[in-house]
Amino acid sequence: MSRYKNNKPKGWVGIYRSIIDWEWFDDAVTFKIYMYCILRANYENSEWRGVNIERGQFWTSLDTLSKETNFTIKQVRTSLKKLEKSKNVAIK
């Protein structure tokens, strides 16, 4: 079940064309996971199940990321490790 009304996310995201020069651009799995994270991130502070989720953050799991991106949990975990190591994402 999608968290979005009518299965459509709200708002928009601007992406610079220079993203094609980004170190993970040619890694299809990592690039898709990164874009997924950008698109899912909150655009304003909110609360979910008593947890404050700030702008730029979102609540998920490896299982959810795997199902919603059609990658294995191992692929998701590997890509998140790459993005975390290169300081493109932070994981709590």
C-alpha atoms as a PDB file:
ATOM      1  CA  MET A   1       0.000   0.000   0.000  1.00  0.00           C
ATOM      2  CA  SER A   2       1.412   3.356  -0.987  1.00  0.00           C
ATOM      3  CA  ARG A   3       1.699   6.220   1.489  1.00  0.00           C
ATOM      4  CA  TYR A   4       0.676   8.641  -1.251  1.00  0.00           C
ATOM      5  CA  LYS A   5      -2.847   9.762  -1.971  1.00  0.00           C
ATOM      6  CA  ASN A   6      -4.029   8.132  -5.227  1.00  0.00           C
ATOM      7  CA  ASN A   7      -0.577   6.445  -5.463  1.00  0.00           C
ATOM      8  CA  LYS A   8       0.980   9.713  -6.657  1.00  0.00           C
ATOM      9  CA  PRO A   9       3.685  11.581  -4.713  1.00  0.00           C
ATOM     10  CA  LYS A  10       3.214  15.297  -4.145  1.00  0.00           C
ATOM     11  CA  GLY A  11       5.524  18.054  -5.352  1.00  0.00           C
ATOM     12  CA  TRP A  12       8.524  18.024  -7.598  1.00  0.00           C
ATOM     13  CA  VAL A  13      12.290  17.631  -7.395  1.00  0.00           C
ATOM     14  CA  GLY A  14      14.841  19.616  -9.398  1.00  0.00           C
ATOM     15  CA  ILE A  15      17.878  17.741 -10.676  1.00  0.00           C
ATOM     16  CA  TYR A  16      20.927  19.440 -12.164  1.00  0.00           C
ATOM     17  CA  ARG A  17      22.121  18.100 -15.513  1.00  0.00           C
ATOM     18  CA  SER A  18      25.605  17.770 -14.014  1.00  0.00           C
ATOM     19  CA  ILE A  19      24.370  14.645 -12.222  1.00  0.00           C
ATOM     20  CA  ILE A  20      25.704  12.747 -15.227  1.00  0.00           C
ATOM     21  CA  ASP A  21      29.199  13.525 -13.863  1.00  0.00           C
ATOM     22  CA  TRP A  22      28.349  12.085 -10.421  1.00  0.00           C
ATOM     23  CA  GLU A  23      30.458   9.106  -9.320  1.00  0.00           C
ATOM     24  CA  TRP A  24      27.464   6.739  -9.047  1.00  0.00           C
ATOM     25  CA  PHE A  25      25.670   7.799 -12.238  1.00  0.00           C
ATOM     26  CA  ASP A  26      26.865   4.735 -14.203  1.00  0.00           C
ATOM     27  CA  ASP A  27      25.964   2.309 -11.393  1.00  0.00           C
ATOM     28  CA  ALA A  28      22.299   1.665 -12.290  1.00  0.00           C
ATOM     29  CA  VAL A  29      21.310   0.106  -8.964  1.00  0.00           C
ATOM     30  CA  THR A  30      22.976   2.751  -6.796  1.00  0.00           C
ATOM     31  CA  PHE A  31      21.665   5.566  -8.990  1.00  0.00           C
ATOM     32  CA  LYS A  32      18.091   4.273  -8.776  1.00  0.00           C
ATOM     33  CA  ILE A  33      18.323   3.788  -4.997  1.00  0.00           C
ATOM     34  CA  TYR A  34      19.650   7.355  -4.643  1.00  0.00           C
ATOM     35  CA  MET A  35      16.876   8.794  -6.827  1.00  0.00           C
ATOM     36  CA  TYR A  36      14.326   6.770  -4.872  1.00  0.00           C
ATOM     37  CA  CYS A  37      15.664   8.252  -1.616  1.00  0.00           C
ATOM     38  CA  ILE A  38      15.491  11.779  -3.024  1.00  0.00           C
ATOM     39  CA  LEU A  39      11.940  11.266  -4.239  1.00  0.00           C
ATOM     40  CA  ARG A  40      10.765   9.704  -0.970  1.00  0.00           C
ATOM     41  CA  ALA A  41      12.413  12.245   1.358  1.00  0.00           C
ATOM     42  CA  ASN A  42      10.018  14.492   3.258  1.00  0.00           C
ATOM     43  CA  TYR A  43       9.731  18.035   1.971  1.00  0.00           C
ATOM     44  CA  GLU A  44       8.528  19.198   5.402  1.00  0.00           C
ATOM     45  CA  ASN A  45       8.831  17.943   8.981  1.00  0.00           C
ATOM     46  CA  SER A  46       6.319  15.277   9.983  1.00  0.00           C
ATOM     47  CA  GLU A  47       5.674  12.545  12.516  1.00  0.00           C
ATOM     48  CA  TRP A  48       5.105   8.856  11.902  1.00  0.00           C
ATOM     49  CA  ARG A  49       4.225   6.421  14.695  1.00  0.00           C
ATOM     50  CA  GLY A  50       5.487   8.861  17.290  1.00  0.00           C
ATOM     51  CA  VAL A  51       8.837   9.416  15.556  1.00  0.00           C
ATOM     52  CA  ASN A  52       9.752  12.887  14.301  1.00  0.00           C
ATOM     53  CA  ILE A  53      10.851  12.739  10.683  1.00  0.00           C
ATOM     54  CA  GLU A  54      12.561  15.905   9.545  1.00  0.00           C
ATOM     55  CA  ARG A  55      12.649  17.491   6.122  1.00  0.00           C
ATOM     56  CA  GLY A  56      15.022  15.461   3.930  1.00  0.00           C
ATOM     57  CA  GLN A  57      14.438  12.236   5.867  1.00  0.00           C
ATOM     58  CA  PHE A  58      12.089   9.291   5.405  1.00  0.00           C
ATOM     59  CA  TRP A  59      11.282   6.086   7.246  1.00  0.00           C
ATOM     60  CA  THR A  60      11.757   2.782   5.419  1.00  0.00           C
ATOM     61  CA  SER A  61      13.316  -0.672   5.626  1.00  0.00           C
ATOM     62  CA  LEU A  62      15.555  -2.767   3.418  1.00  0.00           C
ATOM     63  CA  ASP A  63      12.571  -4.976   2.635  1.00  0.00           C
ATOM     64  CA  THR A  64      10.449  -1.999   1.557  1.00  0.00           C
ATOM     65  CA  LEU A  65      13.266  -0.528  -0.545  1.00  0.00           C
ATOM     66  CA  SER A  66      13.759  -3.922  -2.163  1.00  0.00           C
ATOM     67  CA  LYS A  67      10.083  -4.339  -3.038  1.00  0.00           C
ATOM     68  CA  GLU A  68       9.583  -0.777  -4.278  1.00  0.00           C
ATOM     69  CA  THR A  69      12.717  -0.701  -6.460  1.00  0.00           C
ATOM     70  CA  ASN A  70      12.639  -4.342  -7.641  1.00  0.00           C
ATOM     71  CA  PHE A  71      16.174  -4.978  -6.406  1.00  0.00           C
ATOM     72  CA  THR A  72      17.295  -7.691  -3.987  1.00  0.00           C
ATOM     73  CA  ILE A  73      17.912  -6.803  -0.364  1.00  0.00           C
ATOM     74  CA  LYS A  74      21.631  -7.481  -0.973  1.00  0.00           C
ATOM     75  CA  GLN A  75      21.686  -5.003  -3.897  1.00  0.00           C
ATOM     76  CA  VAL A  76      19.878  -2.389  -1.797  1.00  0.00           C
ATOM     77  CA  ARG A  77      22.217  -2.888   1.170  1.00  0.00           C
ATOM     78  CA  THR A  78      25.320  -2.674  -1.048  1.00  0.00           C
ATOM     79  CA  SER A  79      24.105   0.504  -2.758  1.00  0.00           C
ATOM     80  CA  LEU A  80      23.201   2.140   0.551  1.00  0.00           C
ATOM     81  CA  LYS A  81      26.667   1.331   1.884  1.00  0.00           C
ATOM     82  CA  LYS A  82      28.224   2.988  -1.188  1.00  0.00           C
ATOM     83  CA  LEU A  83      26.030   6.074  -0.776  1.00  0.00           C
ATOM     84  CA  GLU A  84      26.718   6.270   2.958  1.00  0.00           C
ATOM     85  CA  LYS A  85      30.485   5.864   2.497  1.00  0.00           C
ATOM     86  CA  SER A  86      30.542   8.639  -0.115  1.00  0.00           C
ATOM     87  CA  LYS A  87      28.423  10.802   2.225  1.00  0.00           C
ATOM     88  CA  ASN A  88      25.495  11.045  -0.171  1.00  0.00           C
ATOM     89  CA  VAL A  89      23.086   9.600   2.401  1.00  0.00           C
ATOM     90  CA  ALA A  90      23.070   9.214   6.162  1.00  0.00           C
ATOM     91  CA  ILE A  91      21.372   6.232   7.779  1.00  0.00           C
ATOM     92  CA  LYS A  92      20.018   6.216  11.327  1.00  0.00           C
END
